[in-house]
Amino acid sequence: MSTSKFKTICVFCGSNLGKQKSYQDAAIDLGKELVMKNINLVYGGGNIGLMGLISQTVFNGGRQVLGIIPKALMDKEITGVTIGEVKPVENMHQRKAEMARNLHVIFMIYSLTLFGLLNSNGYYNSLLSFIDQAVEEGVINPSARHIIVCASNAKQLIEKLEDYHPCPEQVSSKLNWNYEQQEHSQKNKISK
């Protein structure tokens, strides 16, 4: 087993399995890759669909799994036994905020400047074409396009994420924003 610079990765994926078995295989492969790299998982909390496959794979591999799920979705997305630790929240906004709070600091820095897509069977090709068109049309800054890392398999995706080096000015501005958000959150907790 090798160790990654990431301690925890947040994965967003579907509560359905998809029509092609390759999507299920990709979810399982990503789970196995996280286990091989000693990476813990934060995810949407359900035990069905693609998110159920990846979370079960990571959990069975001995890594920590934290599912964060809005209470309104618990009956729909959790059937039977939960996988790892499940933290209920009130809504989708709290879900995203709680996911961000549970990422390791190093990943938090990168997550604000980096986005990885597991492009199994070209699933995200249309999205990537749309983004490239937006860059061509001057709607999106060309430097922003580079924060999207894409690979067709889990091993390559993790390697590309680990090899990514953001521009220093992008990281510092994002770190300042992150620090200000944390400070604001702490002040709100104290005033309540």
C-alpha atoms as a PDB file:
ATOM      1  CA  MET A   1       0.000   0.000   0.000  1.00  0.00           C
ATOM      2  CA  SER A   2       1.190   3.471  -0.861  1.00  0.00           C
ATOM      3  CA  THR A   3       0.175   6.628   0.933  1.00  0.00           C
ATOM      4  CA  SER A   4      -1.325   9.622  -0.808  1.00  0.00           C
ATOM      5  CA  LYS A   5      -0.839  13.283   0.034  1.00  0.00           C
ATOM      6  CA  PHE A   6      -4.625  13.283   0.499  1.00  0.00           C
ATOM      7  CA  LYS A   7      -5.965  11.963   3.795  1.00  0.00           C
ATOM      8  CA  THR A   8      -9.613  12.261   2.767  1.00  0.00           C
ATOM      9  CA  ILE A   9     -11.392  12.776  -0.523  1.00  0.00           C
ATOM     10  CA  CYS A  10     -14.987  13.842  -0.990  1.00  0.00           C
ATOM     11  CA  VAL A  11     -16.776  11.917  -3.735  1.00  0.00           C
ATOM     12  CA  PHE A  12     -20.060  12.963  -5.320  1.00  0.00           C
ATOM     13  CA  CYS A  13     -21.845  10.221  -7.245  1.00  0.00           C
ATOM     14  CA  GLY A  14     -25.305   8.916  -7.996  1.00  0.00           C
ATOM     15  CA  SER A  15     -27.840   7.097  -5.860  1.00  0.00           C
ATOM     16  CA  ASN A  16     -28.648   5.003  -8.941  1.00  0.00           C
ATOM     17  CA  LEU A  17     -26.378   2.415 -10.555  1.00  0.00           C
ATOM     18  CA  GLY A  18     -26.623   3.715 -14.118  1.00  0.00           C
ATOM     19  CA  LYS A  19     -27.530   1.680 -17.175  1.00  0.00           C
ATOM     20  CA  GLN A  20     -23.980   0.658 -18.050  1.00  0.00           C
ATOM     21  CA  LYS A  21     -22.077  -1.769 -15.859  1.00  0.00           C
ATOM     22  CA  SER A  22     -18.923   0.237 -16.573  1.00  0.00           C
ATOM     23  CA  TYR A  23     -20.193   2.971 -14.214  1.00  0.00           C
ATOM     24  CA  GLN A  24     -20.514   0.436 -11.422  1.00  0.00           C
ATOM     25  CA  ASP A  25     -17.065  -0.954 -12.209  1.00  0.00           C
ATOM     26  CA  ALA A  26     -15.609   2.572 -12.152  1.00  0.00           C
ATOM     27  CA  ALA A  27     -17.151   3.263  -8.716  1.00  0.00           C
ATOM     28  CA  ILE A  28     -15.704   0.035  -7.326  1.00  0.00           C
ATOM     29  CA  ASP A  29     -12.303   0.748  -8.926  1.00  0.00           C
ATOM     30  CA  LEU A  30     -12.258   4.224  -7.398  1.00  0.00           C
ATOM     31  CA  GLY A  31     -13.074   2.719  -3.996  1.00  0.00           C
ATOM     32  CA  LYS A  32     -10.232   0.208  -4.380  1.00  0.00           C
ATOM     33  CA  GLU A  33      -7.833   2.960  -5.426  1.00  0.00           C
ATOM     34  CA  LEU A  34      -8.725   5.004  -2.342  1.00  0.00           C
ATOM     35  CA  VAL A  35      -8.067   1.950  -0.152  1.00  0.00           C
ATOM     36  CA  MET A  36      -4.724   1.244  -1.869  1.00  0.00           C
ATOM     37  CA  LYS A  37      -3.651   4.882  -1.316  1.00  0.00           C
ATOM     38  CA  ASN A  38      -4.862   4.966   2.337  1.00  0.00           C
ATOM     39  CA  ILE A  39      -7.443   7.657   1.583  1.00  0.00           C
ATOM     40  CA  ASN A  40     -10.600   8.030   3.674  1.00  0.00           C
ATOM     41  CA  LEU A  41     -13.970   8.843   2.106  1.00  0.00           C
ATOM     42  CA  VAL A  42     -16.527  11.572   2.715  1.00  0.00           C
ATOM     43  CA  TYR A  43     -19.624  11.102   0.567  1.00  0.00           C
ATOM     44  CA  GLY A  44     -23.379  11.625   0.346  1.00  0.00           C
ATOM     45  CA  GLY A  45     -24.325   9.065   2.981  1.00  0.00           C
ATOM     46  CA  GLY A  46     -26.527   6.642   1.062  1.00  0.00           C
ATOM     47  CA  ASN A  47     -25.923   2.942   0.727  1.00  0.00           C
ATOM     48  CA  ILE A  48     -27.590   2.525  -2.667  1.00  0.00           C
ATOM     49  CA  GLY A  49     -26.459   3.126  -6.233  1.00  0.00           C
ATOM     50  CA  LEU A  50     -22.949   4.194  -7.153  1.00  0.00           C
ATOM     51  CA  MET A  51     -22.407   5.899  -3.806  1.00  0.00           C
ATOM     52  CA  GLY A  52     -23.294   2.629  -2.072  1.00  0.00           C
ATOM     53  CA  LEU A  53     -20.760   0.722  -4.171  1.00  0.00           C
ATOM     54  CA  ILE A  54     -17.895   3.114  -3.554  1.00  0.00           C
ATOM     55  CA  SER A  55     -18.603   3.533   0.153  1.00  0.00           C
ATOM     56  CA  GLN A  56     -18.921  -0.217   0.719  1.00  0.00           C
ATOM     57  CA  THR A  57     -15.665  -0.838  -1.156  1.00  0.00           C
ATOM     58  CA  VAL A  58     -13.782   1.775   0.890  1.00  0.00           C
ATOM     59  CA  PHE A  59     -15.324   0.566   4.167  1.00  0.00           C
ATOM     60  CA  ASN A  60     -14.582  -3.106   3.379  1.00  0.00           C
ATOM     61  CA  GLY A  61     -10.993  -2.054   2.635  1.00  0.00           C
ATOM     62  CA  GLY A  62     -10.588  -0.768   6.184  1.00  0.00           C
ATOM     63  CA  ARG A  63     -10.681   2.963   5.502  1.00  0.00           C
ATOM     64  CA  GLN A  64     -12.875   5.478   7.319  1.00  0.00           C
ATOM     65  CA  VAL A  65     -16.158   6.328   5.647  1.00  0.00           C
ATOM     66  CA  LEU A  66     -18.253   9.334   6.614  1.00  0.00           C
ATOM     67  CA  GLY A  67     -21.614   9.796   4.932  1.00  0.00           C
ATOM     68  CA  ILE A  68     -23.342  13.147   5.256  1.00  0.00           C
ATOM     69  CA  ILE A  69     -26.992  13.074   4.310  1.00  0.00           C
ATOM     70  CA  PRO A  70     -29.979  15.394   4.614  1.00  0.00           C
ATOM     71  CA  LYS A  71     -32.600  13.909   6.945  1.00  0.00           C
ATOM     72  CA  ALA A  72     -35.227  14.135   4.181  1.00  0.00           C
ATOM     73  CA  LEU A  73     -33.196  11.701   2.012  1.00  0.00           C
ATOM     74  CA  MET A  74     -32.440   9.107   4.674  1.00  0.00           C
ATOM     75  CA  ASP A  75     -35.463   6.905   3.933  1.00  0.00           C
ATOM     76  CA  LYS A  76     -34.782   7.055   0.178  1.00  0.00           C
ATOM     77  CA  GLU A  77     -31.019   6.615   0.105  1.00  0.00           C
ATOM     78  CA  ILE A  78     -30.360   4.378   3.091  1.00  0.00           C
ATOM     79  CA  THR A  79     -31.792   0.892   2.984  1.00  0.00           C
ATOM     80  CA  GLY A  80     -30.823  -1.588   5.659  1.00  0.00           C
ATOM     81  CA  VAL A  81     -27.473  -1.149   7.388  1.00  0.00           C
ATOM     82  CA  THR A  82     -25.539   2.119   7.081  1.00  0.00           C
ATOM     83  CA  ILE A  83     -21.959   2.117   5.810  1.00  0.00           C
ATOM     84  CA  GLY A  84     -19.380   3.637   8.137  1.00  0.00           C
ATOM     85  CA  GLU A  85     -20.438   6.708  10.081  1.00  0.00           C
ATOM     86  CA  VAL A  86     -23.540   8.550   8.880  1.00  0.00           C
ATOM     87  CA  LYS A  87     -24.144  12.134   9.939  1.00  0.00           C
ATOM     88  CA  PRO A  88     -27.660  13.500   9.295  1.00  0.00           C
ATOM     89  CA  VAL A  89     -27.994  17.205   8.478  1.00  0.00           C
ATOM     90  CA  GLU A  90     -30.992  19.456   7.862  1.00  0.00           C
ATOM     91  CA  ASN A  91     -30.520  20.315   4.171  1.00  0.00           C
ATOM     92  CA  MET A  92     -28.279  20.195   1.082  1.00  0.00           C
ATOM     93  CA  HIS A  93     -26.500  23.434   2.024  1.00  0.00           C
ATOM     94  CA  GLN A  94     -25.488  21.953   5.396  1.00  0.00           C
ATOM     95  CA  ARG A  95     -24.493  18.732   3.623  1.00  0.00           C
ATOM     96  CA  LYS A  96     -21.924  20.534   1.438  1.00  0.00           C
ATOM     97  CA  ALA A  97     -20.642  22.624   4.349  1.00  0.00           C
ATOM     98  CA  GLU A  98     -20.241  19.548   6.561  1.00  0.00           C
ATOM     99  CA  MET A  99     -18.450  17.659   3.780  1.00  0.00           C
ATOM    100  CA  ALA A 100     -15.977  20.516   3.451  1.00  0.00           C
ATOM    101  CA  ARG A 101     -15.432  20.623   7.231  1.00  0.00           C
ATOM    102  CA  ASN A 102     -14.508  16.946   7.277  1.00  0.00           C
ATOM    103  CA  LEU A 103     -11.791  17.111   4.647  1.00  0.00           C
ATOM    104  CA  HIS A 104      -8.159  17.097   5.686  1.00  0.00           C
ATOM    105  CA  VAL A 105      -6.588  20.563   5.542  1.00  0.00           C
ATOM    106  CA  ILE A 106      -4.277  19.697   2.626  1.00  0.00           C
ATOM    107  CA  PHE A 107      -7.184  18.445   0.576  1.00  0.00           C
ATOM    108  CA  MET A 108      -9.270  21.442   1.551  1.00  0.00           C
ATOM    109  CA  ILE A 109      -6.704  23.708  -0.055  1.00  0.00           C
ATOM    110  CA  TYR A 110      -6.745  21.673  -3.236  1.00  0.00           C
ATOM    111  CA  SER A 111     -10.494  21.135  -3.265  1.00  0.00           C
ATOM    112  CA  LEU A 112     -10.970  24.872  -3.621  1.00  0.00           C
ATOM    113  CA  THR A 113      -8.720  24.919  -6.667  1.00  0.00           C
ATOM    114  CA  LEU A 114      -9.128  21.403  -8.076  1.00  0.00           C
ATOM    115  CA  PHE A 115     -11.969  19.281  -9.350  1.00  0.00           C
ATOM    116  CA  GLY A 116     -11.556  15.686 -10.535  1.00  0.00           C
ATOM    117  CA  LEU A 117     -13.855  13.897 -12.972  1.00  0.00           C
ATOM    118  CA  LEU A 118     -13.848  10.112 -13.379  1.00  0.00           C
ATOM    119  CA  ASN A 119     -14.872  10.106 -17.031  1.00  0.00           C
ATOM    120  CA  SER A 120     -15.951   6.470 -17.380  1.00  0.00           C
ATOM    121  CA  ASN A 121     -17.104   5.694 -20.943  1.00  0.00           C
ATOM    122  CA  GLY A 122     -16.862   9.387 -21.805  1.00  0.00           C
ATOM    123  CA  TYR A 123     -19.740  10.242 -19.466  1.00  0.00           C
ATOM    124  CA  TYR A 124     -18.482  13.815 -18.949  1.00  0.00           C
ATOM    125  CA  ASN A 125     -17.428  14.497 -22.566  1.00  0.00           C
ATOM    126  CA  SER A 126     -20.412  16.796 -23.170  1.00  0.00           C
ATOM    127  CA  LEU A 127     -19.693  18.772 -20.011  1.00  0.00           C
ATOM    128  CA  LEU A 128     -16.016  19.102 -20.926  1.00  0.00           C
ATOM    129  CA  SER A 129     -16.945  20.251 -24.452  1.00  0.00           C
ATOM    130  CA  PHE A 130     -19.294  22.829 -22.966  1.00  0.00           C
ATOM    131  CA  ILE A 131     -16.544  24.127 -20.660  1.00  0.00           C
ATOM    132  CA  ASP A 132     -14.024  24.215 -23.526  1.00  0.00           C
ATOM    133  CA  GLN A 133     -16.527  26.154 -25.646  1.00  0.00           C
ATOM    134  CA  ALA A 134     -17.003  28.624 -22.771  1.00  0.00           C
ATOM    135  CA  VAL A 135     -13.219  29.119 -22.646  1.00  0.00           C
ATOM    136  CA  GLU A 136     -13.107  29.671 -26.427  1.00  0.00           C
ATOM    137  CA  GLU A 137     -15.904  32.225 -26.161  1.00  0.00           C
ATOM    138  CA  GLY A 138     -14.118  34.075 -23.350  1.00  0.00           C
ATOM    139  CA  VAL A 139     -16.779  33.310 -20.731  1.00  0.00           C
ATOM    140  CA  ILE A 140     -14.394  31.222 -18.615  1.00  0.00           C
ATOM    141  CA  ASN A 141     -10.777  32.222 -18.022  1.00  0.00           C
ATOM    142  CA  PRO A 142      -8.403  29.686 -19.657  1.00  0.00           C
ATOM    143  CA  SER A 143      -6.528  29.285 -16.360  1.00  0.00           C
ATOM    144  CA  ALA A 144      -9.772  28.174 -14.689  1.00  0.00           C
ATOM    145  CA  ARG A 145     -10.075  25.267 -17.145  1.00  0.00           C
ATOM    146  CA  HIS A 146      -6.932  23.717 -15.665  1.00  0.00           C
ATOM    147  CA  ILE A 147      -8.559  23.089 -12.280  1.00  0.00           C
ATOM    148  CA  ILE A 148     -10.618  20.321 -13.900  1.00  0.00           C
ATOM    149  CA  VAL A 149      -8.653  17.093 -13.890  1.00  0.00           C
ATOM    150  CA  CYS A 150     -10.130  14.274 -15.906  1.00  0.00           C
ATOM    151  CA  ALA A 151      -9.257  10.609 -16.428  1.00  0.00           C
ATOM    152  CA  SER A 152     -11.023   7.548 -17.738  1.00  0.00           C
ATOM    153  CA  ASN A 153     -10.005   5.301 -14.833  1.00  0.00           C
ATOM    154  CA  ALA A 154      -9.614   5.636 -11.076  1.00  0.00           C
ATOM    155  CA  LYS A 155      -5.865   5.025 -10.921  1.00  0.00           C
ATOM    156  CA  GLN A 156      -5.093   7.749 -13.473  1.00  0.00           C
ATOM    157  CA  LEU A 157      -7.495  10.176 -11.805  1.00  0.00           C
ATOM    158  CA  ILE A 158      -5.894   9.807  -8.364  1.00  0.00           C
ATOM    159  CA  GLU A 159      -2.422  10.133  -9.923  1.00  0.00           C
ATOM    160  CA  LYS A 160      -3.433  13.308 -11.791  1.00  0.00           C
ATOM    161  CA  LEU A 161      -4.984  14.784  -8.652  1.00  0.00           C
ATOM    162  CA  GLU A 162      -1.817  14.045  -6.685  1.00  0.00           C
ATOM    163  CA  ASP A 163       0.402  15.532  -9.419  1.00  0.00           C
ATOM    164  CA  TYR A 164      -1.625  18.736  -9.700  1.00  0.00           C
ATOM    165  CA  HIS A 165       0.185  21.924  -8.689  1.00  0.00           C
ATOM    166  CA  PRO A 166      -1.973  25.069  -8.513  1.00  0.00           C
ATOM    167  CA  CYS A 167      -0.720  28.538  -9.325  1.00  0.00           C
ATOM    168  CA  PRO A 168       0.465  30.191  -6.070  1.00  0.00           C
ATOM    169  CA  GLU A 169      -1.869  33.183  -6.487  1.00  0.00           C
ATOM    170  CA  GLN A 170      -4.875  30.847  -6.865  1.00  0.00           C
ATOM    171  CA  VAL A 171      -4.033  28.994  -3.663  1.00  0.00           C
ATOM    172  CA  SER A 172      -3.350  32.090  -1.575  1.00  0.00           C
ATOM    173  CA  SER A 173      -6.587  33.798  -2.595  1.00  0.00           C
ATOM    174  CA  LYS A 174      -8.561  30.633  -1.942  1.00  0.00           C
ATOM    175  CA  LEU A 175      -6.826  30.117   1.395  1.00  0.00           C
ATOM    176  CA  ASN A 176      -7.730  33.655   2.434  1.00  0.00           C
ATOM    177  CA  TRP A 177     -11.341  33.022   1.451  1.00  0.00           C
ATOM    178  CA  ASN A 178     -11.337  29.718   3.351  1.00  0.00           C
ATOM    179  CA  TYR A 179      -9.837  31.353   6.450  1.00  0.00           C
ATOM    180  CA  GLU A 180     -12.408  34.166   6.333  1.00  0.00           C
ATOM    181  CA  GLN A 181     -15.236  31.625   5.991  1.00  0.00           C
ATOM    182  CA  GLN A 182     -13.942  29.635   8.977  1.00  0.00           C
ATOM    183  CA  GLU A 183     -13.618  32.808  11.058  1.00  0.00           C
ATOM    184  CA  HIS A 184     -17.170  33.850  10.127  1.00  0.00           C
ATOM    185  CA  SER A 185     -18.467  30.382  11.009  1.00  0.00           C
ATOM    186  CA  GLN A 186     -16.723  30.476  14.410  1.00  0.00           C
ATOM    187  CA  LYS A 187     -18.154  33.927  15.199  1.00  0.00           C
ATOM    188  CA  ASN A 188     -21.656  32.696  14.321  1.00  0.00           C
ATOM    189  CA  LYS A 189     -21.266  29.706  16.673  1.00  0.00           C
ATOM    190  CA  ILE A 190     -20.077  31.933  19.514  1.00  0.00           C
ATOM    191  CA  SER A 191     -22.921  34.439  19.080  1.00  0.00           C
ATOM    192  CA  LYS A 192     -25.596  31.724  19.185  1.00  0.00           C
END
